[in-house]
Each structure stands twice: as structure tokens, then as C-alpha cells.
Amino acid sequence: MITFKPNPHKLQVTPSAKEPGRFDWSITCDGVIVRQSVRSFSSEGASEANGDAAFREITSRWQSAR
């Protein structure tokens, strides 16, 4: 029997608080930040692409641990 458990991790892209006009990403699990970008990105898309790579890594580890 397969039991589906939704991924508790979420990727969020937000405007940078430190550098206006740039974007940061963060990955949260149940509302707690588990990883965030070290640098900001010039576009929302670039930030999302970089964050997506980290998100896939975290999700892979999470699925392996179950």
C-alpha cells in the first residue's frame, strides 16, 4: 500500500531586503527556514531557478529518510 505524504517544504522567492531590485529565496519546513540564498539575484526567475536546485536536493534527502 502506498501512502502519500505531502512535501512539507516550500520554496519562497522574495524581494531582497538588503539590495533593492534584487531577489532572495528561502526554503521553509512547517514555517521554519531550513535554507536560504547566500546571495541575491538580479531577477525573480534567476532566484527561483537557484532555489529550485536547493529545493530538489532537500526534497531528495527528505524522501530518502522516510
C-alpha atoms as a PDB file:
ATOM      1  CA  MET A   1       0.000   0.000   0.000  1.00  0.00           C
ATOM      2  CA  ILE A   2       1.310   3.430  -0.918  1.00  0.00           C
ATOM      3  CA  THR A   3       0.688   6.285   1.466  1.00  0.00           C
ATOM      4  CA  PHE A   4       1.065   9.762   0.050  1.00  0.00           C
ATOM      5  CA  LYS A   5       2.603  12.315   2.379  1.00  0.00           C
ATOM      6  CA  PRO A   6       2.792  15.861   1.002  1.00  0.00           C
ATOM      7  CA  ASN A   7       6.160  17.547   0.976  1.00  0.00           C
ATOM      8  CA  PRO A   8       6.323  19.912   3.985  1.00  0.00           C
ATOM      9  CA  HIS A   9       8.980  22.075   2.304  1.00  0.00           C
ATOM     10  CA  LYS A  10       8.116  25.284   0.457  1.00  0.00           C
ATOM     11  CA  LEU A  11      10.287  27.483  -1.770  1.00  0.00           C
ATOM     12  CA  GLN A  12       9.640  31.210  -1.453  1.00  0.00           C
ATOM     13  CA  VAL A  13      11.164  33.954  -3.611  1.00  0.00           C
ATOM     14  CA  THR A  14      11.004  37.462  -2.169  1.00  0.00           C
ATOM     15  CA  PRO A  15      12.435  40.879  -2.976  1.00  0.00           C
ATOM     16  CA  SER A  16      15.772  41.347  -1.229  1.00  0.00           C
ATOM     17  CA  ALA A  17      15.593  43.356   1.988  1.00  0.00           C
ATOM     18  CA  LYS A  18      19.274  44.295   1.697  1.00  0.00           C
ATOM     19  CA  GLU A  19      19.574  45.014  -2.027  1.00  0.00           C
ATOM     20  CA  PRO A  20      16.628  46.828  -3.658  1.00  0.00           C
ATOM     21  CA  GLY A  21      15.730  45.499  -7.104  1.00  0.00           C
ATOM     22  CA  ARG A  22      17.163  42.035  -6.389  1.00  0.00           C
ATOM     23  CA  PHE A  23      15.604  38.771  -5.146  1.00  0.00           C
ATOM     24  CA  ASP A  24      16.331  36.168  -2.463  1.00  0.00           C
ATOM     25  CA  TRP A  25      14.925  32.686  -1.916  1.00  0.00           C
ATOM     26  CA  SER A  26      14.272  30.634   1.193  1.00  0.00           C
ATOM     27  CA  ILE A  27      13.090  27.097   1.834  1.00  0.00           C
ATOM     28  CA  THR A  28      10.856  26.529   4.823  1.00  0.00           C
ATOM     29  CA  CYS A  29       9.578  23.418   6.559  1.00  0.00           C
ATOM     30  CA  ASP A  30       6.494  23.935   8.689  1.00  0.00           C
ATOM     31  CA  GLY A  31       7.203  27.673   8.777  1.00  0.00           C
ATOM     32  CA  VAL A  32      10.873  27.363   9.838  1.00  0.00           C
ATOM     33  CA  ILE A  33      13.631  28.415   7.419  1.00  0.00           C
ATOM     34  CA  VAL A  34      15.851  25.421   6.664  1.00  0.00           C
ATOM     35  CA  ARG A  35      17.934  27.008   3.881  1.00  0.00           C
ATOM     36  CA  GLN A  36      18.190  30.420   2.248  1.00  0.00           C
ATOM     37  CA  SER A  37      20.152  32.061  -0.525  1.00  0.00           C
ATOM     38  CA  VAL A  38      23.603  33.314   0.336  1.00  0.00           C
ATOM     39  CA  ARG A  39      23.465  35.983  -2.353  1.00  0.00           C
ATOM     40  CA  SER A  40      20.697  37.887  -4.077  1.00  0.00           C
ATOM     41  CA  PHE A  41      19.753  37.563  -7.738  1.00  0.00           C
ATOM     42  CA  SER A  42      19.048  40.140 -10.423  1.00  0.00           C
ATOM     43  CA  SER A  43      15.703  38.606 -11.404  1.00  0.00           C
ATOM     44  CA  GLU A  44      12.916  36.671  -9.762  1.00  0.00           C
ATOM     45  CA  GLY A  45      13.390  33.876 -12.304  1.00  0.00           C
ATOM     46  CA  ALA A  46      17.113  33.522 -11.592  1.00  0.00           C
ATOM     47  CA  SER A  47      16.428  33.405  -7.869  1.00  0.00           C
ATOM     48  CA  GLU A  48      13.712  30.789  -8.351  1.00  0.00           C
ATOM     49  CA  ALA A  49      15.947  28.619 -10.568  1.00  0.00           C
ATOM     50  CA  ASN A  50      18.751  28.664  -7.998  1.00  0.00           C
ATOM     51  CA  GLY A  51      16.331  27.987  -5.149  1.00  0.00           C
ATOM     52  CA  ASP A  52      14.716  25.156  -7.093  1.00  0.00           C
ATOM     53  CA  ALA A  53      18.047  23.307  -7.257  1.00  0.00           C
ATOM     54  CA  ALA A  54      18.372  23.527  -3.465  1.00  0.00           C
ATOM     55  CA  PHE A  55      14.707  22.567  -3.074  1.00  0.00           C
ATOM     56  CA  ARG A  56      15.220  19.414  -5.154  1.00  0.00           C
ATOM     57  CA  GLU A  57      18.249  18.459  -3.047  1.00  0.00           C
ATOM     58  CA  ILE A  58      16.350  18.898   0.223  1.00  0.00           C
ATOM     59  CA  THR A  59      13.314  17.051  -1.134  1.00  0.00           C
ATOM     60  CA  SER A  60      15.510  14.160  -2.278  1.00  0.00           C
ATOM     61  CA  ARG A  61      17.040  13.845   1.189  1.00  0.00           C
ATOM     62  CA  TRP A  62      13.614  14.071   2.813  1.00  0.00           C
ATOM     63  CA  GLN A  63      12.214  11.289   0.596  1.00  0.00           C
ATOM     64  CA  SER A  64      15.244   9.070   1.257  1.00  0.00           C
ATOM     65  CA  ALA A  65      14.879   9.464   5.016  1.00  0.00           C
ATOM     66  CA  ARG A  66      11.258   8.264   5.040  1.00  0.00           C
END
